N, C-alpha and C. Protein backbone atom coordinates (compact mmCIF):
# COMPACT_ATOMS: atom_id res chain seq x y z
N UNK A 1 43.87 -10.02 -49.05
CA UNK A 1 44.83 -11.04 -49.41
C UNK A 1 45.91 -11.02 -48.28
N UNK A 2 46.27 -12.14 -47.73
CA UNK A 2 47.32 -12.24 -46.76
C UNK A 2 48.57 -12.73 -47.44
N UNK A 3 49.69 -12.04 -47.13
CA UNK A 3 50.98 -12.55 -47.65
C UNK A 3 51.92 -12.58 -46.51
N UNK A 4 52.55 -13.72 -46.18
CA UNK A 4 53.43 -13.80 -45.04
C UNK A 4 54.70 -12.94 -45.21
N UNK A 5 54.98 -12.57 -46.45
CA UNK A 5 56.20 -11.79 -46.73
C UNK A 5 55.78 -10.47 -47.38
N UNK A 6 55.44 -9.43 -46.57
CA UNK A 6 54.96 -8.22 -47.11
C UNK A 6 56.07 -7.51 -48.05
N UNK A 7 57.31 -7.72 -47.63
CA UNK A 7 58.34 -7.12 -48.42
C UNK A 7 58.33 -7.71 -49.88
N UNK A 8 58.11 -9.05 -49.92
CA UNK A 8 58.10 -9.70 -51.22
C UNK A 8 56.89 -9.13 -52.04
N UNK A 9 55.80 -8.87 -51.36
CA UNK A 9 54.58 -8.40 -52.07
C UNK A 9 54.83 -6.99 -52.64
N UNK A 10 55.54 -6.18 -51.86
CA UNK A 10 55.85 -4.81 -52.34
C UNK A 10 56.89 -4.83 -53.43
N UNK A 11 57.88 -5.72 -53.25
CA UNK A 11 58.94 -5.80 -54.30
C UNK A 11 58.34 -6.33 -55.62
N UNK A 12 57.55 -7.39 -55.58
CA UNK A 12 56.99 -7.95 -56.82
C UNK A 12 55.99 -6.93 -57.40
N UNK A 13 55.28 -6.22 -56.56
CA UNK A 13 54.31 -5.22 -57.10
C UNK A 13 54.99 -4.17 -57.88
N UNK A 14 56.06 -3.56 -57.29
CA UNK A 14 56.74 -2.48 -58.02
C UNK A 14 57.53 -3.00 -59.24
N UNK A 15 58.05 -4.25 -59.12
CA UNK A 15 58.65 -4.87 -60.38
C UNK A 15 57.61 -4.88 -61.48
N UNK A 16 56.42 -5.32 -61.22
CA UNK A 16 55.37 -5.46 -62.19
C UNK A 16 54.72 -4.22 -62.60
N UNK A 17 54.67 -3.24 -61.69
CA UNK A 17 53.86 -1.99 -61.96
C UNK A 17 54.69 -0.77 -62.11
N UNK A 18 56.00 -0.90 -62.30
CA UNK A 18 56.86 0.24 -62.30
C UNK A 18 56.41 1.30 -63.31
N UNK A 19 56.11 0.86 -64.53
CA UNK A 19 55.71 1.87 -65.57
C UNK A 19 54.26 2.26 -65.39
N UNK A 20 53.41 1.45 -64.71
CA UNK A 20 52.10 1.94 -64.35
C UNK A 20 52.23 3.08 -63.38
N UNK A 21 53.17 3.00 -62.47
CA UNK A 21 53.27 3.96 -61.38
C UNK A 21 53.82 5.31 -61.90
N UNK A 22 54.85 5.22 -62.75
CA UNK A 22 55.39 6.51 -63.20
C UNK A 22 56.22 6.27 -64.49
N UNK A 23 55.93 7.10 -65.55
CA UNK A 23 56.58 7.01 -66.83
C UNK A 23 58.00 7.60 -66.72
N UNK A 24 58.87 7.23 -67.67
CA UNK A 24 60.23 7.80 -67.75
C UNK A 24 60.17 9.34 -67.78
N UNK A 25 59.21 9.90 -68.54
CA UNK A 25 59.22 11.36 -68.77
C UNK A 25 58.18 12.07 -67.91
N UNK A 26 57.74 11.46 -66.82
CA UNK A 26 56.76 12.08 -65.92
C UNK A 26 57.33 13.40 -65.33
N UNK A 27 56.41 14.36 -65.19
CA UNK A 27 56.77 15.65 -64.62
C UNK A 27 56.96 15.54 -63.12
N UNK A 28 57.31 16.70 -62.53
CA UNK A 28 57.56 16.72 -61.05
C UNK A 28 56.24 16.64 -60.27
N UNK A 29 55.14 17.13 -60.87
CA UNK A 29 53.79 17.00 -60.24
C UNK A 29 53.77 17.66 -58.87
N UNK A 30 53.05 16.95 -57.92
CA UNK A 30 52.97 17.52 -56.58
C UNK A 30 54.28 17.53 -55.83
N UNK A 31 55.27 16.81 -56.30
CA UNK A 31 56.55 16.83 -55.64
C UNK A 31 57.32 18.18 -55.86
N UNK A 32 56.93 18.90 -56.89
CA UNK A 32 57.74 20.11 -57.26
C UNK A 32 57.93 21.07 -56.17
N UNK A 33 56.86 21.53 -55.43
CA UNK A 33 57.14 22.52 -54.36
C UNK A 33 57.95 21.94 -53.20
N UNK A 34 57.73 20.61 -52.94
CA UNK A 34 58.50 20.01 -51.84
C UNK A 34 59.98 19.99 -52.18
N UNK A 35 60.31 19.58 -53.41
CA UNK A 35 61.73 19.50 -53.83
C UNK A 35 62.34 20.87 -53.88
N UNK A 36 61.62 21.81 -54.40
CA UNK A 36 62.14 23.21 -54.43
C UNK A 36 62.44 23.74 -53.03
N UNK A 37 61.53 23.49 -52.11
CA UNK A 37 61.73 23.91 -50.73
C UNK A 37 62.92 23.15 -50.10
N UNK A 38 63.09 21.89 -50.41
CA UNK A 38 64.27 21.14 -49.88
C UNK A 38 65.51 21.76 -50.47
N UNK A 39 65.55 22.02 -51.73
CA UNK A 39 66.76 22.61 -52.41
C UNK A 39 67.17 23.89 -51.72
N UNK A 40 66.16 24.72 -51.38
CA UNK A 40 66.51 26.02 -50.72
C UNK A 40 67.11 25.81 -49.34
N UNK A 41 66.87 24.68 -48.70
CA UNK A 41 67.34 24.42 -47.37
C UNK A 41 68.78 23.82 -47.40
N UNK A 42 69.25 23.42 -48.55
CA UNK A 42 70.46 22.63 -48.68
C UNK A 42 71.66 23.49 -49.07
N UNK A 43 72.82 23.08 -48.59
CA UNK A 43 74.05 23.74 -49.13
C UNK A 43 74.29 23.25 -50.55
N UNK A 44 75.16 23.95 -51.24
CA UNK A 44 75.50 23.52 -52.63
C UNK A 44 76.12 22.19 -52.60
N UNK A 45 75.81 21.36 -53.65
CA UNK A 45 76.41 20.01 -53.82
C UNK A 45 76.22 19.22 -52.50
N UNK A 46 74.97 19.23 -51.98
CA UNK A 46 74.67 18.46 -50.81
C UNK A 46 74.60 16.96 -51.09
N UNK A 47 74.68 16.19 -50.05
CA UNK A 47 74.51 14.74 -50.16
C UNK A 47 73.13 14.41 -49.64
N UNK A 48 72.33 13.72 -50.52
CA UNK A 48 70.93 13.46 -50.24
C UNK A 48 70.63 11.99 -50.46
N UNK A 49 69.92 11.43 -49.48
CA UNK A 49 69.56 9.96 -49.55
C UNK A 49 68.05 9.94 -49.89
N UNK A 50 67.66 9.18 -50.92
CA UNK A 50 66.32 8.99 -51.31
C UNK A 50 65.90 7.56 -51.02
N UNK A 51 65.20 7.39 -49.85
CA UNK A 51 64.77 6.04 -49.44
C UNK A 51 63.46 5.71 -50.13
N UNK A 52 63.37 4.60 -50.84
CA UNK A 52 62.22 4.31 -51.65
C UNK A 52 62.27 5.21 -52.92
N UNK A 53 63.40 5.23 -53.58
CA UNK A 53 63.64 6.15 -54.69
C UNK A 53 62.84 5.85 -55.92
N UNK A 54 62.27 4.66 -56.02
CA UNK A 54 61.52 4.28 -57.24
C UNK A 54 62.45 4.34 -58.44
N UNK A 55 61.89 4.89 -59.54
CA UNK A 55 62.63 4.95 -60.81
C UNK A 55 63.53 6.16 -60.91
N UNK A 56 63.55 6.94 -59.79
CA UNK A 56 64.40 8.16 -59.78
C UNK A 56 63.68 9.39 -60.19
N UNK A 57 62.47 9.21 -60.72
CA UNK A 57 61.66 10.38 -61.21
C UNK A 57 60.47 10.56 -60.24
N UNK A 58 60.28 11.75 -59.70
CA UNK A 58 61.00 12.98 -60.05
C UNK A 58 62.07 13.36 -59.01
N UNK A 59 62.14 12.78 -57.89
CA UNK A 59 62.88 13.35 -56.83
C UNK A 59 64.44 13.34 -57.11
N UNK A 60 64.92 12.11 -57.31
CA UNK A 60 66.45 12.01 -57.63
C UNK A 60 66.82 12.86 -58.85
N UNK A 61 66.00 12.76 -59.82
CA UNK A 61 66.21 13.54 -61.08
C UNK A 61 66.34 15.04 -60.76
N UNK A 62 65.37 15.62 -60.01
CA UNK A 62 65.36 16.98 -59.67
C UNK A 62 66.62 17.40 -58.87
N UNK A 63 66.91 16.54 -57.89
CA UNK A 63 68.03 16.86 -56.93
C UNK A 63 69.40 16.77 -57.63
N UNK A 64 69.49 15.78 -58.55
CA UNK A 64 70.78 15.64 -59.27
C UNK A 64 70.95 16.78 -60.27
N UNK A 65 69.84 17.17 -60.92
CA UNK A 65 69.92 18.35 -61.85
C UNK A 65 70.26 19.63 -61.10
N UNK A 66 69.94 19.70 -59.85
CA UNK A 66 70.22 20.86 -59.01
C UNK A 66 71.67 20.84 -58.47
N UNK A 67 72.47 19.78 -58.83
CA UNK A 67 73.85 19.74 -58.43
C UNK A 67 74.12 18.97 -57.18
N UNK A 68 73.10 18.27 -56.61
CA UNK A 68 73.32 17.54 -55.37
C UNK A 68 73.73 16.13 -55.70
N UNK A 69 74.46 15.47 -54.70
CA UNK A 69 74.88 14.10 -54.84
C UNK A 69 73.87 13.17 -54.25
N UNK A 70 73.22 12.36 -55.09
CA UNK A 70 72.03 11.59 -54.69
C UNK A 70 72.37 10.14 -54.56
N UNK A 71 72.01 9.50 -53.46
CA UNK A 71 72.00 8.10 -53.31
C UNK A 71 70.61 7.59 -53.16
N UNK A 72 70.17 6.64 -53.94
CA UNK A 72 68.82 6.15 -53.85
C UNK A 72 68.82 4.69 -53.40
N UNK A 73 67.82 4.31 -52.64
CA UNK A 73 67.63 2.96 -52.19
C UNK A 73 66.24 2.48 -52.52
N UNK A 74 66.07 1.34 -53.13
CA UNK A 74 64.75 0.74 -53.40
C UNK A 74 64.85 -0.73 -53.43
N UNK A 75 63.76 -1.38 -53.08
CA UNK A 75 63.71 -2.84 -52.97
C UNK A 75 63.45 -3.48 -54.38
N UNK A 76 62.90 -2.68 -55.26
CA UNK A 76 62.59 -3.20 -56.61
C UNK A 76 63.75 -3.16 -57.58
N UNK A 77 64.13 -4.32 -58.13
CA UNK A 77 65.16 -4.32 -59.10
C UNK A 77 64.81 -3.56 -60.39
N UNK A 78 63.57 -3.57 -60.75
CA UNK A 78 63.13 -2.89 -61.98
C UNK A 78 63.25 -1.37 -61.66
N UNK A 79 62.77 -0.91 -60.57
CA UNK A 79 62.82 0.50 -60.28
C UNK A 79 64.29 1.00 -60.18
N UNK A 80 65.16 0.22 -59.58
CA UNK A 80 66.55 0.62 -59.45
C UNK A 80 67.23 0.66 -60.86
N UNK A 81 66.96 -0.35 -61.69
CA UNK A 81 67.53 -0.31 -63.10
C UNK A 81 67.15 0.96 -63.82
N UNK A 82 65.80 1.30 -63.71
CA UNK A 82 65.37 2.50 -64.34
C UNK A 82 66.01 3.76 -63.74
N UNK A 83 66.16 3.79 -62.44
CA UNK A 83 66.73 4.94 -61.79
C UNK A 83 68.18 5.15 -62.32
N UNK A 84 68.96 4.10 -62.39
CA UNK A 84 70.33 4.15 -62.92
C UNK A 84 70.34 4.68 -64.32
N UNK A 85 69.39 4.38 -65.14
CA UNK A 85 69.33 4.84 -66.48
C UNK A 85 68.85 6.30 -66.55
N UNK A 86 67.84 6.63 -65.78
CA UNK A 86 67.21 7.94 -65.86
C UNK A 86 67.96 9.04 -65.10
N UNK A 87 68.73 8.61 -64.14
CA UNK A 87 69.51 9.62 -63.35
C UNK A 87 70.96 9.08 -63.25
N UNK A 88 71.67 9.18 -64.41
CA UNK A 88 73.02 8.52 -64.44
C UNK A 88 74.06 9.09 -63.46
N UNK A 89 73.87 10.24 -62.96
CA UNK A 89 74.82 10.80 -61.99
C UNK A 89 74.59 10.37 -60.55
N UNK A 90 73.45 9.72 -60.35
CA UNK A 90 73.12 9.23 -58.96
C UNK A 90 73.69 7.84 -58.68
N UNK A 91 73.70 7.49 -57.45
CA UNK A 91 74.11 6.14 -57.02
C UNK A 91 72.85 5.46 -56.48
N UNK A 92 72.56 4.25 -57.04
CA UNK A 92 71.32 3.59 -56.69
C UNK A 92 71.56 2.15 -56.19
N UNK A 93 71.06 1.82 -55.04
CA UNK A 93 71.24 0.52 -54.41
C UNK A 93 69.90 -0.19 -54.36
N UNK A 94 69.97 -1.47 -54.79
CA UNK A 94 68.77 -2.33 -54.58
C UNK A 94 68.93 -2.98 -53.19
N UNK A 95 68.08 -2.48 -52.30
CA UNK A 95 68.20 -2.96 -50.92
C UNK A 95 66.91 -2.64 -50.16
N UNK A 96 66.69 -3.40 -49.04
CA UNK A 96 65.63 -3.09 -48.13
C UNK A 96 66.05 -1.94 -47.25
N UNK A 97 65.21 -0.94 -47.19
CA UNK A 97 65.59 0.31 -46.47
C UNK A 97 65.87 0.02 -44.99
N UNK A 98 65.20 -1.01 -44.47
CA UNK A 98 65.38 -1.39 -43.01
C UNK A 98 66.66 -2.09 -42.75
N UNK A 99 67.32 -2.53 -43.81
CA UNK A 99 68.49 -3.39 -43.60
C UNK A 99 69.71 -2.76 -44.23
N UNK A 100 69.61 -1.75 -45.00
CA UNK A 100 70.75 -1.17 -45.70
C UNK A 100 71.70 -0.58 -44.62
N UNK A 101 73.02 -0.69 -44.93
CA UNK A 101 74.04 -0.21 -44.02
C UNK A 101 74.66 1.00 -44.61
N UNK A 102 74.44 2.16 -43.89
CA UNK A 102 74.97 3.43 -44.34
C UNK A 102 75.70 4.10 -43.25
N UNK A 103 76.74 4.90 -43.62
CA UNK A 103 77.61 5.52 -42.53
C UNK A 103 76.81 6.61 -41.79
N UNK A 104 77.03 6.69 -40.48
CA UNK A 104 76.34 7.71 -39.75
C UNK A 104 76.83 9.18 -40.06
N UNK A 105 75.95 10.17 -39.94
CA UNK A 105 76.31 11.49 -40.22
C UNK A 105 76.77 11.79 -41.64
N UNK A 106 76.20 11.08 -42.65
CA UNK A 106 76.76 11.24 -43.99
C UNK A 106 75.81 11.96 -44.96
N UNK A 107 74.63 12.39 -44.51
CA UNK A 107 73.72 13.04 -45.46
C UNK A 107 73.19 14.39 -44.90
N UNK A 108 73.16 15.37 -45.81
CA UNK A 108 72.60 16.64 -45.51
C UNK A 108 71.05 16.57 -45.49
N UNK A 109 70.48 15.60 -46.19
CA UNK A 109 69.07 15.48 -46.23
C UNK A 109 68.70 14.06 -46.60
N UNK A 110 67.60 13.60 -46.09
CA UNK A 110 66.98 12.32 -46.45
C UNK A 110 65.52 12.57 -46.85
N UNK A 111 65.13 12.01 -47.99
CA UNK A 111 63.74 12.03 -48.41
C UNK A 111 63.21 10.63 -48.35
N UNK A 112 61.94 10.45 -47.97
CA UNK A 112 61.27 9.20 -47.94
C UNK A 112 59.83 9.46 -48.25
N UNK A 113 59.52 9.46 -49.54
CA UNK A 113 58.23 9.86 -50.02
C UNK A 113 57.41 8.62 -50.41
N UNK A 114 56.27 8.44 -49.64
CA UNK A 114 55.37 7.26 -49.92
C UNK A 114 56.09 5.95 -49.87
N UNK A 115 57.12 5.82 -48.98
CA UNK A 115 57.90 4.62 -48.89
C UNK A 115 57.79 3.97 -47.47
N UNK A 116 57.83 4.72 -46.40
CA UNK A 116 57.73 4.21 -45.08
C UNK A 116 56.42 3.33 -44.95
N UNK A 117 55.36 3.79 -45.60
CA UNK A 117 54.08 3.11 -45.52
C UNK A 117 54.00 1.76 -46.25
N UNK A 118 55.12 1.35 -46.87
CA UNK A 118 55.17 0.09 -47.46
C UNK A 118 56.00 -0.98 -46.56
N UNK A 119 56.32 -0.45 -45.36
CA UNK A 119 57.10 -1.33 -44.43
C UNK A 119 56.23 -1.85 -43.30
N UNK A 120 56.55 -3.00 -42.75
CA UNK A 120 55.79 -3.48 -41.58
C UNK A 120 55.79 -2.39 -40.46
N UNK A 121 54.67 -2.18 -39.83
CA UNK A 121 54.54 -1.10 -38.89
C UNK A 121 55.61 -1.13 -37.77
N UNK A 122 55.94 -2.29 -37.17
CA UNK A 122 56.93 -2.30 -36.06
C UNK A 122 58.30 -1.81 -36.52
N UNK A 123 58.57 -1.91 -37.81
CA UNK A 123 59.90 -1.55 -38.30
C UNK A 123 60.01 -0.06 -38.65
N UNK A 124 58.90 0.60 -38.67
CA UNK A 124 58.96 2.02 -39.14
C UNK A 124 59.67 2.94 -38.08
N UNK A 125 59.32 2.85 -36.76
CA UNK A 125 60.04 3.70 -35.83
C UNK A 125 61.51 3.42 -35.74
N UNK A 126 61.92 2.11 -35.91
CA UNK A 126 63.29 1.74 -35.87
C UNK A 126 64.04 2.42 -37.09
N UNK A 127 63.34 2.39 -38.25
CA UNK A 127 63.99 3.04 -39.41
C UNK A 127 64.13 4.52 -39.20
N UNK A 128 63.10 5.13 -38.61
CA UNK A 128 63.21 6.55 -38.34
C UNK A 128 64.38 6.90 -37.42
N UNK A 129 64.59 6.01 -36.46
CA UNK A 129 65.72 6.15 -35.56
C UNK A 129 67.05 6.05 -36.34
N UNK A 130 67.16 5.19 -37.29
CA UNK A 130 68.34 5.00 -38.11
C UNK A 130 68.54 6.24 -39.04
N UNK A 131 67.42 6.74 -39.59
CA UNK A 131 67.50 7.96 -40.37
C UNK A 131 68.13 9.07 -39.64
N UNK A 132 67.70 9.23 -38.35
CA UNK A 132 68.29 10.28 -37.52
C UNK A 132 69.83 10.17 -37.39
N UNK A 133 70.30 8.94 -37.36
CA UNK A 133 71.80 8.78 -37.22
C UNK A 133 72.44 9.02 -38.53
N UNK A 134 71.80 8.79 -39.64
CA UNK A 134 72.41 8.96 -41.00
C UNK A 134 72.55 10.49 -41.32
N UNK A 135 71.70 11.28 -40.71
CA UNK A 135 71.71 12.75 -40.97
C UNK A 135 72.89 13.44 -40.30
N UNK A 136 73.50 14.38 -40.95
CA UNK A 136 74.42 15.26 -40.33
C UNK A 136 73.65 16.22 -39.36
N UNK A 137 74.34 16.72 -38.33
CA UNK A 137 73.71 17.79 -37.48
C UNK A 137 73.15 18.91 -38.37
N UNK A 138 71.92 19.28 -38.12
CA UNK A 138 71.29 20.26 -38.95
C UNK A 138 70.62 19.74 -40.22
N UNK A 139 70.75 18.44 -40.50
CA UNK A 139 70.24 17.81 -41.68
C UNK A 139 68.73 17.68 -41.64
N UNK A 140 68.07 17.56 -42.84
CA UNK A 140 66.65 17.54 -42.93
C UNK A 140 66.11 16.18 -43.36
N UNK A 141 64.95 15.86 -42.80
CA UNK A 141 64.13 14.74 -43.31
C UNK A 141 62.87 15.33 -43.91
N UNK A 142 62.53 14.88 -45.09
CA UNK A 142 61.25 15.15 -45.78
C UNK A 142 60.58 13.87 -46.01
N UNK A 143 59.40 13.58 -45.42
CA UNK A 143 58.78 12.30 -45.48
C UNK A 143 57.24 12.48 -45.62
N UNK A 144 56.67 11.62 -46.51
CA UNK A 144 55.22 11.49 -46.51
C UNK A 144 54.84 10.16 -45.82
N UNK A 145 53.93 10.18 -44.91
CA UNK A 145 53.55 9.09 -44.11
C UNK A 145 52.03 8.99 -44.03
N UNK A 146 51.51 8.08 -43.20
CA UNK A 146 50.09 7.96 -43.03
C UNK A 146 49.51 9.16 -42.25
N UNK A 147 48.32 9.55 -42.58
CA UNK A 147 47.53 10.52 -41.84
C UNK A 147 46.60 9.82 -40.83
N UNK A 148 46.08 8.73 -41.26
CA UNK A 148 45.24 7.86 -40.39
C UNK A 148 45.78 6.43 -40.48
N UNK A 149 45.55 5.63 -39.45
CA UNK A 149 46.11 4.29 -39.36
C UNK A 149 45.35 3.37 -40.34
N UNK A 150 46.08 2.54 -41.02
CA UNK A 150 45.45 1.57 -41.88
C UNK A 150 46.48 0.57 -42.31
N UNK A 151 46.14 -0.69 -42.48
CA UNK A 151 46.98 -1.69 -43.05
C UNK A 151 46.10 -2.53 -44.03
N UNK A 152 46.58 -2.78 -45.19
CA UNK A 152 45.76 -3.58 -46.15
C UNK A 152 46.45 -3.80 -47.44
N UNK A 153 45.80 -4.51 -48.32
CA UNK A 153 46.30 -4.84 -49.64
C UNK A 153 45.29 -4.36 -50.73
N UNK A 154 45.79 -3.80 -51.80
CA UNK A 154 44.94 -3.41 -52.88
C UNK A 154 45.23 -4.38 -54.03
N UNK A 155 44.13 -4.97 -54.56
CA UNK A 155 44.31 -5.91 -55.72
C UNK A 155 44.28 -5.09 -57.02
N UNK A 156 45.02 -5.56 -57.96
CA UNK A 156 45.09 -4.94 -59.30
C UNK A 156 45.42 -3.42 -59.16
N UNK A 157 46.38 -3.13 -58.36
CA UNK A 157 46.78 -1.74 -58.11
C UNK A 157 47.07 -1.02 -59.42
N UNK A 158 46.55 0.21 -59.51
CA UNK A 158 46.77 1.09 -60.66
C UNK A 158 46.24 0.40 -61.95
N UNK A 159 45.32 -0.49 -61.82
CA UNK A 159 44.79 -1.18 -62.99
C UNK A 159 45.71 -2.17 -63.56
N UNK A 160 46.79 -2.55 -62.85
CA UNK A 160 47.81 -3.41 -63.40
C UNK A 160 47.54 -4.86 -62.91
N UNK A 161 48.50 -5.74 -63.17
CA UNK A 161 48.36 -7.18 -62.93
C UNK A 161 48.73 -7.65 -61.53
N UNK A 162 49.14 -6.72 -60.60
CA UNK A 162 49.63 -7.10 -59.35
C UNK A 162 49.04 -6.36 -58.17
N UNK A 163 49.01 -6.94 -57.02
CA UNK A 163 48.50 -6.29 -55.80
C UNK A 163 49.59 -5.39 -55.17
N UNK A 164 49.23 -4.57 -54.21
CA UNK A 164 50.18 -3.77 -53.45
C UNK A 164 49.71 -3.81 -52.03
N UNK A 165 50.68 -3.61 -51.11
CA UNK A 165 50.48 -3.71 -49.65
C UNK A 165 50.98 -2.41 -49.00
N UNK A 166 50.22 -1.99 -48.01
CA UNK A 166 50.61 -0.81 -47.19
C UNK A 166 50.35 -1.08 -45.71
N UNK A 167 51.09 -0.32 -44.88
CA UNK A 167 50.82 -0.30 -43.47
C UNK A 167 51.25 0.99 -42.89
N UNK A 168 50.27 1.69 -42.23
CA UNK A 168 50.66 3.02 -41.76
C UNK A 168 50.00 3.31 -40.43
N UNK A 169 50.69 4.13 -39.60
CA UNK A 169 50.11 4.68 -38.41
C UNK A 169 49.45 6.00 -38.70
N UNK A 170 48.96 6.70 -37.64
CA UNK A 170 48.39 7.98 -37.87
C UNK A 170 49.44 9.11 -37.67
N UNK A 171 49.05 10.29 -38.06
CA UNK A 171 50.06 11.38 -38.08
C UNK A 171 50.63 11.66 -36.66
N UNK A 172 49.80 11.55 -35.64
CA UNK A 172 50.29 11.85 -34.27
C UNK A 172 51.36 10.76 -33.89
N UNK A 173 51.16 9.56 -34.31
CA UNK A 173 52.17 8.50 -33.99
C UNK A 173 53.42 8.87 -34.68
N UNK A 174 53.45 9.21 -35.97
CA UNK A 174 54.66 9.57 -36.64
C UNK A 174 55.32 10.76 -35.98
N UNK A 175 54.54 11.71 -35.54
CA UNK A 175 55.13 12.85 -34.79
C UNK A 175 55.89 12.39 -33.57
N UNK A 176 55.31 11.42 -32.90
CA UNK A 176 55.95 10.89 -31.67
C UNK A 176 57.26 10.13 -32.09
N UNK A 177 57.17 9.31 -33.09
CA UNK A 177 58.36 8.58 -33.53
C UNK A 177 59.51 9.53 -33.89
N UNK A 178 59.14 10.62 -34.59
CA UNK A 178 60.19 11.62 -34.94
C UNK A 178 60.83 12.17 -33.71
N UNK A 179 60.00 12.53 -32.72
CA UNK A 179 60.50 13.08 -31.48
C UNK A 179 61.41 12.10 -30.76
N UNK A 180 60.95 10.85 -30.68
CA UNK A 180 61.72 9.84 -30.01
C UNK A 180 63.03 9.58 -30.70
N UNK A 181 63.16 9.77 -31.99
CA UNK A 181 64.39 9.60 -32.73
C UNK A 181 65.34 10.83 -32.53
N UNK A 182 64.92 11.83 -31.87
CA UNK A 182 65.70 13.04 -31.71
C UNK A 182 65.59 14.03 -32.79
N UNK A 183 64.53 13.91 -33.60
CA UNK A 183 64.31 14.85 -34.73
C UNK A 183 63.23 15.84 -34.35
N UNK A 184 63.44 17.09 -34.76
CA UNK A 184 62.49 18.16 -34.47
C UNK A 184 61.58 18.39 -35.70
N UNK A 185 60.28 18.03 -35.55
CA UNK A 185 59.32 18.27 -36.61
C UNK A 185 59.04 19.78 -36.67
N UNK A 186 59.44 20.38 -37.81
CA UNK A 186 59.25 21.81 -37.94
C UNK A 186 57.97 22.25 -38.72
N UNK A 187 57.47 21.30 -39.48
CA UNK A 187 56.28 21.59 -40.29
C UNK A 187 55.56 20.28 -40.60
N UNK A 188 54.23 20.40 -40.75
CA UNK A 188 53.43 19.22 -41.05
C UNK A 188 52.26 19.73 -41.91
N UNK A 189 51.88 18.99 -42.94
CA UNK A 189 50.67 19.32 -43.73
C UNK A 189 49.95 18.07 -44.19
N UNK A 190 48.68 18.23 -44.45
CA UNK A 190 47.93 17.11 -45.00
C UNK A 190 47.93 17.19 -46.54
N UNK A 191 48.27 16.02 -47.17
CA UNK A 191 48.27 15.92 -48.63
C UNK A 191 47.11 15.07 -49.05
N UNK A 192 46.06 15.64 -49.60
CA UNK A 192 44.87 14.89 -49.93
C UNK A 192 45.14 13.92 -51.12
N UNK A 193 44.46 12.78 -51.04
CA UNK A 193 44.52 11.77 -52.15
C UNK A 193 43.27 11.03 -52.16
N UNK A 194 42.43 11.23 -53.17
CA UNK A 194 41.11 10.64 -53.25
C UNK A 194 40.23 11.03 -52.01
N UNK A 195 39.75 9.99 -51.34
CA UNK A 195 38.92 10.34 -50.21
C UNK A 195 39.64 10.38 -48.85
N UNK A 196 40.99 10.24 -48.97
CA UNK A 196 41.82 10.27 -47.75
C UNK A 196 43.08 11.06 -48.10
N UNK A 197 44.20 10.67 -47.60
CA UNK A 197 45.39 11.41 -47.82
C UNK A 197 46.53 10.99 -46.96
N UNK A 198 47.61 11.77 -46.99
CA UNK A 198 48.86 11.46 -46.29
C UNK A 198 49.28 12.68 -45.48
N UNK A 199 50.21 12.52 -44.61
CA UNK A 199 50.79 13.61 -43.84
C UNK A 199 52.24 13.81 -44.38
N UNK A 200 52.57 15.03 -44.63
CA UNK A 200 53.94 15.43 -45.05
C UNK A 200 54.62 16.12 -43.89
N UNK A 201 55.79 15.54 -43.50
CA UNK A 201 56.54 16.11 -42.40
C UNK A 201 57.91 16.65 -42.90
N UNK A 202 58.21 17.82 -42.34
CA UNK A 202 59.60 18.35 -42.40
C UNK A 202 60.17 18.15 -40.98
N UNK A 203 61.29 17.53 -40.85
CA UNK A 203 61.94 17.31 -39.52
C UNK A 203 63.45 17.52 -39.68
N UNK A 204 64.04 17.90 -38.57
CA UNK A 204 65.46 18.27 -38.66
C UNK A 204 66.21 17.67 -37.47
N UNK A 205 67.39 17.16 -37.76
CA UNK A 205 68.30 16.82 -36.65
C UNK A 205 68.89 18.14 -36.13
N UNK A 206 68.79 18.34 -34.83
CA UNK A 206 69.28 19.59 -34.27
C UNK A 206 70.71 19.81 -34.59
N UNK A 207 71.10 21.11 -34.92
CA UNK A 207 72.46 21.42 -35.25
C UNK A 207 73.38 21.13 -34.00
N UNK A 208 74.60 20.86 -34.28
CA UNK A 208 75.53 20.51 -33.21
C UNK A 208 75.75 21.77 -32.32
């Protein structure tokens, strides 16, 4: 399926499939060790940006419960409404991650889990560059991205009534984009999913 407005396809998909994707009371699942590792890297009451925050579960919920100040950004109105309800201490913005205006040097960490891959490919390195400016010196980026290059649409995603669209580069390309943004990739792992999977990156803005 071709859609001239991929953003609209993603937005409508998550509006329609929000509860198919994750229930209000979903557990931390595979996110648990990632979030615990991030928490160990952060100062107390850190500021954390969750790009593609979804309904706030589990990432924003975990970080807020750990005492951090969480700002979430998501393109889906349904997801943002749920996040505001499920994580009442967080701040959640309905916005396109590539267009949101945030102050430089304002976050101790930024997480972007399964979100970059919903953006048009040419916009992804530009967003990584902006992420680098939003981080404080020494700040962390935790991101899941493509392991192999692919762009396409899935019909009736998650067995629901709407399609979903993705676009991703391969892991080596993301590694290059991080480096070009001035971020140091400190760890990388493969996260299996079905017959394929994603790449998980830890990257850091060098300390001042």
